[in-house]
Amino acid sequence: LALAGVPMAVAYKVSRAESLLRFLVKV
């Protein structure tokens, strides 16, 4: 979408169990 020049809003949700691992994400 960025290369096509389309402004966007981005969302993402994971399961409750997966969300407990968020502290491991480094970005």
PDB file of all heavy atoms in Angstrom:
ATOM      1  N   LEU A   1       0.826  -1.205   0.000  1.00  0.00           N
ATOM      2  CA  LEU A   1       0.000   0.000   0.000  1.00  0.00           C
ATOM      3  C   LEU A   1       0.863   1.259   0.000  1.00  0.00           C
ATOM      4  O   LEU A   1       0.540   2.241  -0.680  1.00  0.00           O
ATOM      5  CB  LEU A   1      -0.930  -0.006   1.208  1.00  0.00           C
ATOM      6  CG  LEU A   1      -2.066  -1.029   1.157  1.00  0.00           C
ATOM      7  CD1 LEU A   1      -2.681  -1.232   2.532  1.00  0.00           C
ATOM      8  CD2 LEU A   1      -3.144  -0.602   0.153  1.00  0.00           C
ATOM      9  N   ALA A   2       1.949   1.241   0.756  1.00  0.00           N
ATOM     10  CA  ALA A   2       2.836   2.405   0.780  1.00  0.00           C
ATOM     11  C   ALA A   2       3.421   2.673  -0.598  1.00  0.00           C
ATOM     12  O   ALA A   2       3.482   3.817  -1.058  1.00  0.00           O
ATOM     13  CB  ALA A   2       3.948   2.192   1.805  1.00  0.00           C
ATOM     14  N   LEU A   3       3.854   1.627  -1.284  1.00  0.00           N
ATOM     15  CA  LEU A   3       4.419   1.790  -2.623  1.00  0.00           C
ATOM     16  C   LEU A   3       3.354   2.237  -3.624  1.00  0.00           C
ATOM     17  O   LEU A   3       3.672   2.905  -4.612  1.00  0.00           O
ATOM     18  CB  LEU A   3       5.069   0.491  -3.082  1.00  0.00           C
ATOM     19  CG  LEU A   3       6.329   0.081  -2.315  1.00  0.00           C
ATOM     20  CD1 LEU A   3       6.816  -1.289  -2.755  1.00  0.00           C
ATOM     21  CD2 LEU A   3       7.437   1.122  -2.488  1.00  0.00           C
ATOM     22  N   ALA A   4       2.111   1.879  -3.375  1.00  0.00           N
ATOM     23  CA  ALA A   4       1.016   2.322  -4.234  1.00  0.00           C
ATOM     24  C   ALA A   4       0.525   3.715  -3.857  1.00  0.00           C
ATOM     25  O   ALA A   4      -0.334   4.275  -4.540  1.00  0.00           O
ATOM     26  CB  ALA A   4      -0.143   1.331  -4.158  1.00  0.00           C
ATOM     27  N   GLY A   5       1.057   4.285  -2.770  1.00  0.00           N
ATOM     28  CA  GLY A   5       0.659   5.617  -2.344  1.00  0.00           C
ATOM     29  C   GLY A   5      -0.732   5.669  -1.738  1.00  0.00           C
ATOM     30  O   GLY A   5      -1.499   6.607  -1.989  1.00  0.00           O
ATOM     31  N   VAL A   6      -1.064   4.677  -0.927  1.00  0.00           N
ATOM     32  CA  VAL A   6      -2.391   4.622  -0.295  1.00  0.00           C
ATOM     33  C   VAL A   6      -2.240   4.851   1.203  1.00  0.00           C
ATOM     34  O   VAL A   6      -1.744   3.975   1.925  1.00  0.00           O
ATOM     35  CB  VAL A   6      -3.072   3.258  -0.538  1.00  0.00           C
ATOM     36  CG1 VAL A   6      -4.480   3.256   0.069  1.00  0.00           C
ATOM     37  CG2 VAL A   6      -3.140   2.947  -2.030  1.00  0.00           C
ATOM     38  N   PRO A   7      -2.651   6.005   1.727  1.00  0.00           N
ATOM     39  CA  PRO A   7      -2.608   6.230   3.180  1.00  0.00           C
ATOM     40  C   PRO A   7      -3.456   5.196   3.904  1.00  0.00           C
ATOM     41  O   PRO A   7      -4.503   4.776   3.407  1.00  0.00           O
ATOM     42  CB  PRO A   7      -3.191   7.633   3.345  1.00  0.00           C
ATOM     43  CG  PRO A   7      -3.000   8.283   2.017  1.00  0.00           C
ATOM     44  CD  PRO A   7      -3.158   7.186   1.004  1.00  0.00           C
ATOM     45  N   MET A   8      -2.992   4.802   5.080  1.00  0.00           N
ATOM     46  CA  MET A   8      -3.652   3.674   5.754  1.00  0.00           C
ATOM     47  C   MET A   8      -3.635   3.826   7.270  1.00  0.00           C
ATOM     48  O   MET A   8      -2.811   4.568   7.823  1.00  0.00           O
ATOM     49  CB  MET A   8      -2.951   2.367   5.370  1.00  0.00           C
ATOM     50  CG  MET A   8      -1.585   2.190   6.015  1.00  0.00           C
ATOM     51  SD  MET A   8      -0.533   0.907   5.261  1.00  0.00           S
ATOM     52  CE  MET A   8       0.296   1.892   4.000  1.00  0.00           C
ATOM     53  N   ALA A   9      -4.533   3.099   7.898  1.00  0.00           N
ATOM     54  CA  ALA A   9      -4.472   2.857   9.337  1.00  0.00           C
ATOM     55  C   ALA A   9      -4.268   1.356   9.513  1.00  0.00           C
ATOM     56  O   ALA A   9      -4.872   0.560   8.796  1.00  0.00           O
ATOM     57  CB  ALA A   9      -5.754   3.305  10.022  1.00  0.00           C
ATOM     58  N   VAL A  10      -3.405   0.984  10.442  1.00  0.00           N
ATOM     59  CA  VAL A  10      -3.010  -0.412  10.618  1.00  0.00           C
ATOM     60  C   VAL A  10      -3.448  -0.900  11.992  1.00  0.00           C
ATOM     61  O   VAL A  10      -3.301  -0.179  12.991  1.00  0.00           O
ATOM     62  CB  VAL A  10      -1.485  -0.575  10.459  1.00  0.00           C
ATOM     63  CG1 VAL A  10      -1.055  -2.005  10.754  1.00  0.00           C
ATOM     64  CG2 VAL A  10      -1.061  -0.176   9.046  1.00  0.00           C
ATOM     65  N   ALA A  11      -3.967  -2.112  12.032  1.00  0.00           N
ATOM     66  CA  ALA A  11      -4.369  -2.702  13.310  1.00  0.00           C
ATOM     67  C   ALA A  11      -3.872  -4.132  13.382  1.00  0.00           C
ATOM     68  O   ALA A  11      -3.612  -4.774  12.359  1.00  0.00           O
ATOM     69  CB  ALA A  11      -5.887  -2.665  13.463  1.00  0.00           C
ATOM     70  N   TYR A  12      -3.747  -4.623  14.604  1.00  0.00           N
ATOM     71  CA  TYR A  12      -3.383  -6.029  14.774  1.00  0.00           C
ATOM     72  C   TYR A  12      -3.746  -6.468  16.180  1.00  0.00           C
ATOM     73  O   TYR A  12      -3.541  -5.743  17.155  1.00  0.00           O
ATOM     74  CB  TYR A  12      -1.884  -6.251  14.543  1.00  0.00           C
ATOM     75  CG  TYR A  12      -1.562  -7.689  14.206  1.00  0.00           C
ATOM     76  CD1 TYR A  12      -1.872  -8.212  12.958  1.00  0.00           C
ATOM     77  CD2 TYR A  12      -0.987  -8.540  15.140  1.00  0.00           C
ATOM     78  CE1 TYR A  12      -1.600  -9.536  12.631  1.00  0.00           C
ATOM     79  CE2 TYR A  12      -0.710  -9.864  14.835  1.00  0.00           C
ATOM     80  CZ  TYR A  12      -1.016 -10.355  13.572  1.00  0.00           C
ATOM     81  OH  TYR A  12      -0.753 -11.657  13.261  1.00  0.00           O
ATOM     82  N   LYS A  13      -4.316  -7.671  16.265  1.00  0.00           N
ATOM     83  CA  LYS A  13      -4.617  -8.271  17.559  1.00  0.00           C
ATOM     84  C   LYS A  13      -4.228  -9.741  17.503  1.00  0.00           C
ATOM     85  O   LYS A  13      -4.417 -10.401  16.480  1.00  0.00           O
ATOM     86  CB  LYS A  13      -6.110  -8.141  17.897  1.00  0.00           C
ATOM     87  CG  LYS A  13      -6.595  -6.711  18.072  1.00  0.00           C
ATOM     88  CD  LYS A  13      -8.030  -6.656  18.572  1.00  0.00           C
ATOM     89  CE  LYS A  13      -8.082  -6.872  20.066  1.00  0.00           C
ATOM     90  NZ  LYS A  13      -9.412  -6.541  20.635  1.00  0.00           N
ATOM     91  N   VAL A  14      -3.683 -10.228  18.593  1.00  0.00           N
ATOM     92  CA  VAL A  14      -3.372 -11.646  18.715  1.00  0.00           C
ATOM     93  C   VAL A  14      -4.154 -12.198  19.893  1.00  0.00           C
ATOM     94  O   VAL A  14      -4.815 -11.470  20.625  1.00  0.00           O
ATOM     95  CB  VAL A  14      -1.848 -11.881  18.909  1.00  0.00           C
ATOM     96  CG1 VAL A  14      -1.079 -11.422  17.686  1.00  0.00           C
ATOM     97  CG2 VAL A  14      -1.344 -11.177  20.169  1.00  0.00           C
ATOM     98  N   SER A  15      -4.064 -13.505  20.080  1.00  0.00           N
ATOM     99  CA  SER A  15      -4.781 -14.136  21.188  1.00  0.00           C
ATOM    100  C   SER A  15      -4.222 -13.650  22.521  1.00  0.00           C
ATOM    101  O   SER A  15      -3.111 -13.107  22.592  1.00  0.00           O
ATOM    102  CB  SER A  15      -4.646 -15.652  21.106  1.00  0.00           C
ATOM    103  OG  SER A  15      -3.301 -16.032  21.354  1.00  0.00           O
ATOM    104  N   ARG A  16      -4.972 -13.870  23.566  1.00  0.00           N
ATOM    105  CA  ARG A  16      -4.541 -13.425  24.897  1.00  0.00           C
ATOM    106  C   ARG A  16      -3.216 -14.084  25.289  1.00  0.00           C
ATOM    107  O   ARG A  16      -2.323 -13.440  25.831  1.00  0.00           O
ATOM    108  CB  ARG A  16      -5.613 -13.768  25.927  1.00  0.00           C
ATOM    109  CG  ARG A  16      -5.311 -13.248  27.324  1.00  0.00           C
ATOM    110  CD  ARG A  16      -6.492 -13.457  28.256  1.00  0.00           C
ATOM    111  NE  ARG A  16      -6.213 -12.905  29.574  1.00  0.00           N
ATOM    112  CZ  ARG A  16      -6.361 -11.637  29.907  1.00  0.00           C
ATOM    113  NH1 ARG A  16      -6.790 -10.775  28.992  1.00  0.00           N
ATOM    114  NH2 ARG A  16      -6.105 -11.199  31.121  1.00  0.00           N
ATOM    115  N   ALA A  17      -3.078 -15.372  24.981  1.00  0.00           N
ATOM    116  CA  ALA A  17      -1.829 -16.075  25.315  1.00  0.00           C
ATOM    117  C   ALA A  17      -0.643 -15.472  24.570  1.00  0.00           C
ATOM    118  O   ALA A  17       0.421 -15.234  25.139  1.00  0.00           O
ATOM    119  CB  ALA A  17      -1.962 -17.553  24.992  1.00  0.00           C
ATOM    120  N   GLU A  18      -0.832 -15.202  23.266  1.00  0.00           N
ATOM    121  CA  GLU A  18       0.255 -14.616  22.479  1.00  0.00           C
ATOM    122  C   GLU A  18       0.597 -13.208  22.948  1.00  0.00           C
ATOM    123  O   GLU A  18       1.745 -12.789  22.893  1.00  0.00           O
ATOM    124  CB  GLU A  18      -0.134 -14.593  20.997  1.00  0.00           C
ATOM    125  CG  GLU A  18      -0.195 -15.961  20.352  1.00  0.00           C
ATOM    126  CD  GLU A  18      -0.795 -15.904  18.958  1.00  0.00           C
ATOM    127  OE1 GLU A  18      -1.895 -15.330  18.809  1.00  0.00           O
ATOM    128  OE2 GLU A  18      -0.163 -16.426  18.033  1.00  0.00           O
ATOM    129  N   SER A  19      -0.411 -12.468  23.414  1.00  0.00           N
ATOM    130  CA  SER A  19      -0.162 -11.092  23.834  1.00  0.00           C
ATOM    131  C   SER A  19       0.749 -11.018  25.051  1.00  0.00           C
ATOM    132  O   SER A  19       1.410  -9.999  25.279  1.00  0.00           O
ATOM    133  CB  SER A  19      -1.491 -10.386  24.150  1.00  0.00           C
ATOM    134  OG  SER A  19      -2.064 -10.894  25.353  1.00  0.00           O
ATOM    135  N   LEU A  20       0.818 -12.107  25.818  1.00  0.00           N
ATOM    136  CA  LEU A  20       1.697 -12.110  26.987  1.00  0.00           C
ATOM    137  C   LEU A  20       3.173 -12.092  26.595  1.00  0.00           C
ATOM    138  O   LEU A  20       4.035 -11.812  27.419  1.00  0.00           O
ATOM    139  CB  LEU A  20       1.396 -13.356  27.838  1.00  0.00           C
ATOM    140  CG  LEU A  20      -0.019 -13.439  28.414  1.00  0.00           C
ATOM    141  CD1 LEU A  20      -0.199 -14.752  29.165  1.00  0.00           C
ATOM    142  CD2 LEU A  20      -0.310 -12.257  29.338  1.00  0.00           C
ATOM    143  N   LEU A  21       3.465 -12.388  25.318  1.00  0.00           N
ATOM    144  CA  LEU A  21       4.847 -12.402  24.845  1.00  0.00           C
ATOM    145  C   LEU A  21       5.274 -11.060  24.261  1.00  0.00           C
ATOM    146  O   LEU A  21       6.372 -10.932  23.734  1.00  0.00           O
ATOM    147  CB  LEU A  21       5.022 -13.492  23.778  1.00  0.00           C
ATOM    148  CG  LEU A  21       4.711 -14.922  24.231  1.00  0.00           C
ATOM    149  CD1 LEU A  21       4.816 -15.869  23.052  1.00  0.00           C
ATOM    150  CD2 LEU A  21       5.662 -15.346  25.349  1.00  0.00           C
ATOM    151  N   ARG A  22       4.426 -10.034  24.361  1.00  0.00           N
ATOM    152  CA  ARG A  22       4.737  -8.753  23.730  1.00  0.00           C
ATOM    153  C   ARG A  22       6.029  -8.140  24.250  1.00  0.00           C
ATOM    154  O   ARG A  22       6.719  -7.420  23.547  1.00  0.00           O
ATOM    155  CB  ARG A  22       3.587  -7.759  23.946  1.00  0.00           C
ATOM    156  CG  ARG A  22       2.443  -7.936  22.980  1.00  0.00           C
ATOM    157  CD  ARG A  22       1.389  -6.870  23.187  1.00  0.00           C
ATOM    158  NE  ARG A  22       0.737  -6.999  24.481  1.00  0.00           N
ATOM    159  CZ  ARG A  22      -0.136  -6.125  24.965  1.00  0.00           C
ATOM    160  NH1 ARG A  22      -0.434  -5.047  24.280  1.00  0.00           N
ATOM    161  NH2 ARG A  22      -0.707  -6.320  26.134  1.00  0.00           N
ATOM    162  N   PHE A  23       6.364  -8.425  25.497  1.00  0.00           N
ATOM    163  CA  PHE A  23       7.574  -7.831  26.065  1.00  0.00           C
ATOM    164  C   PHE A  23       8.833  -8.328  25.362  1.00  0.00           C
ATOM    165  O   PHE A  23       9.906  -7.729  25.502  1.00  0.00           O
ATOM    166  CB  PHE A  23       7.657  -8.129  27.570  1.00  0.00           C
ATOM    167  CG  PHE A  23       7.954  -9.572  27.894  1.00  0.00           C
ATOM    168  CD1 PHE A  23       9.267 -10.005  28.109  1.00  0.00           C
ATOM    169  CD2 PHE A  23       6.939 -10.506  27.975  1.00  0.00           C
ATOM    170  CE1 PHE A  23       9.531 -11.331  28.403  1.00  0.00           C
ATOM    171  CE2 PHE A  23       7.206 -11.828  28.270  1.00  0.00           C
ATOM    172  CZ  PHE A  23       8.504 -12.242  28.485  1.00  0.00           C
ATOM    173  N   LEU A  24       8.727  -9.412  24.584  1.00  0.00           N
ATOM    174  CA  LEU A  24       9.882  -9.936  23.860  1.00  0.00           C
ATOM    175  C   LEU A  24      10.120  -9.229  22.540  1.00  0.00           C
ATOM    176  O   LEU A  24      11.180  -9.374  21.940  1.00  0.00           O
ATOM    177  CB  LEU A  24       9.702 -11.437  23.604  1.00  0.00           C
ATOM    178  CG  LEU A  24       9.649 -12.337  24.848  1.00  0.00           C
ATOM    179  CD1 LEU A  24       9.345 -13.767  24.431  1.00  0.00           C
ATOM    180  CD2 LEU A  24      10.956 -12.279  25.629  1.00  0.00           C
ATOM    181  N   VAL A  25       9.141  -8.469  22.059  1.00  0.00           N
ATOM    182  CA  VAL A  25       9.275  -7.766  20.791  1.00  0.00           C
ATOM    183  C   VAL A  25      10.130  -6.527  20.991  1.00  0.00           C
ATOM    184  O   VAL A  25       9.889  -5.724  21.896  1.00  0.00           O
ATOM    185  CB  VAL A  25       7.890  -7.396  20.222  1.00  0.00           C
ATOM    186  CG1 VAL A  25       8.030  -6.606  18.935  1.00  0.00           C
ATOM    187  CG2 VAL A  25       7.072  -8.655  19.983  1.00  0.00           C
ATOM    188  N   LYS A  26      11.146  -6.354  20.124  1.00  0.00           N
ATOM    189  CA  LYS A  26      12.174  -5.349  20.356  1.00  0.00           C
ATOM    190  C   LYS A  26      12.084  -4.135  19.436  1.00  0.00           C
ATOM    191  O   LYS A  26      13.048  -3.387  19.306  1.00  0.00           O
ATOM    192  CB  LYS A  26      13.556  -5.992  20.172  1.00  0.00           C
ATOM    193  CG  LYS A  26      13.799  -7.212  21.063  1.00  0.00           C
ATOM    194  CD  LYS A  26      13.784  -6.861  22.529  1.00  0.00           C
ATOM    195  CE  LYS A  26      14.102  -8.078  23.399  1.00  0.00           C
ATOM    196  NZ  LYS A  26      14.053  -7.778  24.837  1.00  0.00           N
ATOM    197  N   VAL A  27      10.955  -3.916  18.762  1.00  0.00           N
ATOM    198  CA  VAL A  27      10.845  -2.775  17.861  1.00  0.00           C
ATOM    199  C   VAL A  27       9.705  -1.861  18.312  1.00  0.00           C
ATOM    200  O   VAL A  27       8.769  -2.288  18.980  1.00  0.00           O
ATOM    201  CB  VAL A  27      10.602  -3.225  16.404  1.00  0.00           C
ATOM    202  CG1 VAL A  27      11.857  -3.822  15.813  1.00  0.00           C
ATOM    203  CG2 VAL A  27       9.453  -4.225  16.319  1.00  0.00           C
TER     204      VAL A  27
END
